[in-house]
Amino acid sequence: MKYLFNELEMTTFAEKLGRLLEARDVLVLTGELGTGKTSFTKGLAKGLGITQMVKSPTFTIVREYDGGRLPLYHMDIYRVGDDPDSFDMDSYLEANGVSVIEWGELLGKDLPDNYLHVKFNYTVIEERELSFEAHGVRALALKKNLAME
């Protein structure tokens, strides 16, 4: 199922999702540059109760945000490419926080077994089309809780 959002609607939807997230939940965000992956993550952070300014992790690989109900680990795999061992991704995935992985499709077989895949596309000016694909039991539960079935 696909959803159309302007930026405000998208961040509000992500905030709702953020309130449902639990420790060790993983979201994989895919889409071209500028389609709203970091804006979506800002909404997730707000839903987790994080008040820090969320920035793209493009040049730092991982940004960590604390101070909310759960920590948020915001990763950008674009510069990592096909070498996920270049940083300790597993330590974030196994920690008691929420992991958001931009460009996660580049990980291929190294993706975890359980994650919610959010695909971003532009449709018309100022609108984004988001589609959601659940991988694993926990991701399916999140998808159902958001009425995305």
C-alpha atoms as a PDB file:
ATOM      1  CA  MET A   1       0.000   0.000   0.000  1.00  0.00           C
ATOM      2  CA  LYS A   2       1.224   3.490  -0.819  1.00  0.00           C
ATOM      3  CA  TYR A   3       0.608   6.818   0.871  1.00  0.00           C
ATOM      4  CA  LEU A   4       0.947  10.379  -0.436  1.00  0.00           C
ATOM      5  CA  PHE A   5       2.207  13.045   1.963  1.00  0.00           C
ATOM      6  CA  ASN A   6       3.377  16.618   1.885  1.00  0.00           C
ATOM      7  CA  GLU A   7       6.371  17.223   4.172  1.00  0.00           C
ATOM      8  CA  LEU A   8       4.306  18.229   7.223  1.00  0.00           C
ATOM      9  CA  GLU A   9       1.982  15.225   6.864  1.00  0.00           C
ATOM     10  CA  MET A  10       4.971  12.936   6.432  1.00  0.00           C
ATOM     11  CA  THR A  11       6.737  14.135   9.584  1.00  0.00           C
ATOM     12  CA  THR A  12       3.457  13.924  11.537  1.00  0.00           C
ATOM     13  CA  PHE A  13       2.979  10.342  10.339  1.00  0.00           C
ATOM     14  CA  ALA A  14       6.589   9.524  11.286  1.00  0.00           C
ATOM     15  CA  GLU A  15       5.991  11.007  14.746  1.00  0.00           C
ATOM     16  CA  LYS A  16       3.040   8.629  15.181  1.00  0.00           C
ATOM     17  CA  LEU A  17       5.286   5.740  14.170  1.00  0.00           C
ATOM     18  CA  GLY A  18       7.973   6.961  16.586  1.00  0.00           C
ATOM     19  CA  ARG A  19       5.527   6.635  19.485  1.00  0.00           C
ATOM     20  CA  LEU A  20       5.035   2.936  18.565  1.00  0.00           C
ATOM     21  CA  LEU A  21       8.706   2.022  18.293  1.00  0.00           C
ATOM     22  CA  GLU A  22      10.402  -0.299  20.762  1.00  0.00           C
ATOM     23  CA  ALA A  23      14.008  -1.093  21.588  1.00  0.00           C
ATOM     24  CA  ARG A  24      15.817  -2.853  18.728  1.00  0.00           C
ATOM     25  CA  ASP A  25      13.291  -1.824  16.079  1.00  0.00           C
ATOM     26  CA  VAL A  26      14.952  -1.204  12.726  1.00  0.00           C
ATOM     27  CA  LEU A  27      13.702   0.968   9.879  1.00  0.00           C
ATOM     28  CA  VAL A  28      15.369   0.939   6.475  1.00  0.00           C
ATOM     29  CA  LEU A  29      14.734   4.103   4.443  1.00  0.00           C
ATOM     30  CA  THR A  30      15.329   4.067   0.697  1.00  0.00           C
ATOM     31  CA  GLY A  31      14.814   6.726  -1.932  1.00  0.00           C
ATOM     32  CA  GLU A  32      16.653   9.254  -4.023  1.00  0.00           C
ATOM     33  CA  LEU A  33      18.355  12.306  -2.539  1.00  0.00           C
ATOM     34  CA  GLY A  34      15.872  14.865  -1.292  1.00  0.00           C
ATOM     35  CA  THR A  35      12.863  12.566  -1.025  1.00  0.00           C
ATOM     36  CA  GLY A  36      12.498  13.099   2.727  1.00  0.00           C
ATOM     37  CA  LYS A  37      14.415  10.354   4.522  1.00  0.00           C
ATOM     38  CA  THR A  38      15.988  12.720   7.053  1.00  0.00           C
ATOM     39  CA  SER A  39      12.748  14.682   7.469  1.00  0.00           C
ATOM     40  CA  PHE A  40      10.986  11.400   8.210  1.00  0.00           C
ATOM     41  CA  THR A  41      13.662  10.613  10.805  1.00  0.00           C
ATOM     42  CA  LYS A  42      13.030  14.005  12.423  1.00  0.00           C
ATOM     43  CA  GLY A  43       9.402  12.958  12.921  1.00  0.00           C
ATOM     44  CA  LEU A  44      10.479   9.599  14.360  1.00  0.00           C
ATOM     45  CA  ALA A  45      12.768  11.389  16.812  1.00  0.00           C
ATOM     46  CA  LYS A  46       9.957  13.678  17.910  1.00  0.00           C
ATOM     47  CA  GLY A  47       7.729  10.629  18.488  1.00  0.00           C
ATOM     48  CA  LEU A  48      10.485   9.130  20.643  1.00  0.00           C
ATOM     49  CA  GLY A  49      10.596  12.338  22.710  1.00  0.00           C
ATOM     50  CA  ILE A  50      14.000  13.430  21.388  1.00  0.00           C
ATOM     51  CA  THR A  51      14.390  17.203  21.286  1.00  0.00           C
ATOM     52  CA  GLN A  52      17.857  17.427  19.714  1.00  0.00           C
ATOM     53  CA  MET A  53      18.109  18.739  16.159  1.00  0.00           C
ATOM     54  CA  VAL A  54      18.275  15.767  13.779  1.00  0.00           C
ATOM     55  CA  LYS A  55      20.766  16.123  10.931  1.00  0.00           C
ATOM     56  CA  SER A  56      21.676  13.895   8.038  1.00  0.00           C
ATOM     57  CA  PRO A  57      24.401  11.403   8.962  1.00  0.00           C
ATOM     58  CA  THR A  58      25.834  11.414   5.421  1.00  0.00           C
ATOM     59  CA  PHE A  59      29.379  12.408   6.369  1.00  0.00           C
ATOM     60  CA  THR A  60      29.450  10.909   9.871  1.00  0.00           C
ATOM     61  CA  ILE A  61      27.911   7.505   9.020  1.00  0.00           C
ATOM     62  CA  VAL A  62      26.036   7.385  12.379  1.00  0.00           C
ATOM     63  CA  ARG A  63      24.421  10.050  14.527  1.00  0.00           C
ATOM     64  CA  GLU A  64      23.231   9.109  17.998  1.00  0.00           C
ATOM     65  CA  TYR A  65      20.377  10.907  19.733  1.00  0.00           C
ATOM     66  CA  ASP A  66      19.546  10.457  23.414  1.00  0.00           C
ATOM     67  CA  GLY A  67      17.170  12.156  25.802  1.00  0.00           C
ATOM     68  CA  GLY A  68      13.982  10.494  24.602  1.00  0.00           C
ATOM     69  CA  ARG A  69      12.087   7.383  25.541  1.00  0.00           C
ATOM     70  CA  LEU A  70      14.677   5.370  23.577  1.00  0.00           C
ATOM     71  CA  PRO A  71      17.970   6.310  21.912  1.00  0.00           C
ATOM     72  CA  LEU A  72      17.897   6.795  18.142  1.00  0.00           C
ATOM     73  CA  TYR A  73      20.752   5.599  15.925  1.00  0.00           C
ATOM     74  CA  HIS A  74      20.498   7.306  12.555  1.00  0.00           C
ATOM     75  CA  MET A  75      22.798   5.702   9.983  1.00  0.00           C
ATOM     76  CA  ASP A  76      23.622   6.552   6.399  1.00  0.00           C
ATOM     77  CA  ILE A  77      25.093   3.600   4.531  1.00  0.00           C
ATOM     78  CA  TYR A  78      25.628   5.430   1.233  1.00  0.00           C
ATOM     79  CA  ARG A  79      29.339   6.080   1.854  1.00  0.00           C
ATOM     80  CA  VAL A  80      29.848   2.654   3.455  1.00  0.00           C
ATOM     81  CA  GLY A  81      28.795   0.926   0.230  1.00  0.00           C
ATOM     82  CA  ASP A  82      29.293  -2.800   0.223  1.00  0.00           C
ATOM     83  CA  ASP A  83      31.565  -2.792   3.301  1.00  0.00           C
ATOM     84  CA  PRO A  84      29.201  -2.749   6.312  1.00  0.00           C
ATOM     85  CA  ASP A  85      32.063  -3.997   8.482  1.00  0.00           C
ATOM     86  CA  SER A  86      33.756  -0.599   8.139  1.00  0.00           C
ATOM     87  CA  PHE A  87      31.818   0.415  11.256  1.00  0.00           C
ATOM     88  CA  ASP A  88      30.220  -1.658  14.017  1.00  0.00           C
ATOM     89  CA  MET A  89      26.621  -1.609  12.775  1.00  0.00           C
ATOM     90  CA  ASP A  90      25.736  -4.680  14.865  1.00  0.00           C
ATOM     91  CA  SER A  91      26.471  -2.815  18.099  1.00  0.00           C
ATOM     92  CA  TYR A  92      23.719  -0.330  17.190  1.00  0.00           C
ATOM     93  CA  LEU A  93      21.268  -2.994  16.013  1.00  0.00           C
ATOM     94  CA  GLU A  94      21.746  -4.954  19.246  1.00  0.00           C
ATOM     95  CA  ALA A  95      21.576  -1.926  21.564  1.00  0.00           C
ATOM     96  CA  ASN A  96      18.384  -0.886  23.332  1.00  0.00           C
ATOM     97  CA  GLY A  97      17.527   1.843  20.883  1.00  0.00           C
ATOM     98  CA  VAL A  98      15.902   2.350  17.503  1.00  0.00           C
ATOM     99  CA  SER A  99      18.039   2.063  14.357  1.00  0.00           C
ATOM    100  CA  VAL A 100      17.178   4.018  11.219  1.00  0.00           C
ATOM    101  CA  ILE A 101      19.277   3.068   8.204  1.00  0.00           C
ATOM    102  CA  GLU A 102      19.236   5.361   5.175  1.00  0.00           C
ATOM    103  CA  TRP A 103      20.281   3.716   1.890  1.00  0.00           C
ATOM    104  CA  GLY A 104      19.913   0.351   3.632  1.00  0.00           C
ATOM    105  CA  GLU A 105      19.250  -1.420   0.347  1.00  0.00           C
ATOM    106  CA  LEU A 106      23.004  -1.184  -0.253  1.00  0.00           C
ATOM    107  CA  LEU A 107      23.516  -3.685   2.575  1.00  0.00           C
ATOM    108  CA  GLY A 108      21.844  -6.484   0.621  1.00  0.00           C
ATOM    109  CA  LYS A 109      22.253  -9.763   2.517  1.00  0.00           C
ATOM    110  CA  ASP A 110      23.726  -7.892   5.504  1.00  0.00           C
ATOM    111  CA  LEU A 111      20.336  -6.398   6.395  1.00  0.00           C
ATOM    112  CA  PRO A 112      18.865  -7.708   9.651  1.00  0.00           C
ATOM    113  CA  ASP A 113      16.056 -10.268   9.477  1.00  0.00           C
ATOM    114  CA  ASN A 114      13.476  -7.962  11.038  1.00  0.00           C
ATOM    115  CA  TYR A 115      12.940  -4.420   9.741  1.00  0.00           C
ATOM    116  CA  LEU A 116      10.326  -2.078   8.336  1.00  0.00           C
ATOM    117  CA  HIS A 117      11.329  -0.920   4.861  1.00  0.00           C
ATOM    118  CA  VAL A 118      10.082   2.568   3.973  1.00  0.00           C
ATOM    119  CA  LYS A 119      10.458   3.539   0.308  1.00  0.00           C
ATOM    120  CA  PHE A 120      10.357   7.229  -0.649  1.00  0.00           C
ATOM    121  CA  ASN A 121       9.464   8.625  -4.083  1.00  0.00           C
ATOM    122  CA  TYR A 122       8.549  12.061  -5.375  1.00  0.00           C
ATOM    123  CA  THR A 123       5.238  12.162  -7.211  1.00  0.00           C
ATOM    124  CA  VAL A 124       4.449  15.813  -7.822  1.00  0.00           C
ATOM    125  CA  ILE A 125       5.932  18.989  -6.423  1.00  0.00           C
ATOM    126  CA  GLU A 126       5.824  19.001  -2.624  1.00  0.00           C
ATOM    127  CA  GLU A 127       4.409  15.472  -2.338  1.00  0.00           C
ATOM    128  CA  ARG A 128       6.119  12.212  -1.539  1.00  0.00           C
ATOM    129  CA  GLU A 129       4.849   8.715  -2.055  1.00  0.00           C
ATOM    130  CA  LEU A 130       5.787   6.335   0.752  1.00  0.00           C
ATOM    131  CA  SER A 131       5.351   2.587   0.643  1.00  0.00           C
ATOM    132  CA  PHE A 132       5.958   0.197   3.512  1.00  0.00           C
ATOM    133  CA  GLU A 133       7.210  -3.370   3.417  1.00  0.00           C
ATOM    134  CA  ALA A 134       7.480  -5.486   6.560  1.00  0.00           C
ATOM    135  CA  HIS A 135      10.309  -7.984   7.029  1.00  0.00           C
ATOM    136  CA  GLY A 136       9.787 -10.114  10.127  1.00  0.00           C
ATOM    137  CA  VAL A 137       7.162 -10.412  12.839  1.00  0.00           C
ATOM    138  CA  ARG A 138       7.915  -7.163  14.695  1.00  0.00           C
ATOM    139  CA  ALA A 139       7.905  -5.100  11.488  1.00  0.00           C
ATOM    140  CA  LEU A 140       4.580  -6.639  10.488  1.00  0.00           C
ATOM    141  CA  ALA A 141       3.134  -5.657  13.882  1.00  0.00           C
ATOM    142  CA  LEU A 142       4.310  -2.058  13.377  1.00  0.00           C
ATOM    143  CA  LYS A 143       2.776  -1.976   9.929  1.00  0.00           C
ATOM    144  CA  LYS A 144      -0.547  -3.265  11.267  1.00  0.00           C
ATOM    145  CA  ASN A 145      -0.522  -0.757  14.146  1.00  0.00           C
ATOM    146  CA  LEU A 146      -0.191   2.029  11.606  1.00  0.00           C
ATOM    147  CA  ALA A 147      -3.141   0.605   9.655  1.00  0.00           C
ATOM    148  CA  MET A 148      -0.974  -0.004   6.625  1.00  0.00           C
ATOM    149  CA  GLU A 149      -2.408  -3.393   5.739  1.00  0.00           C
END
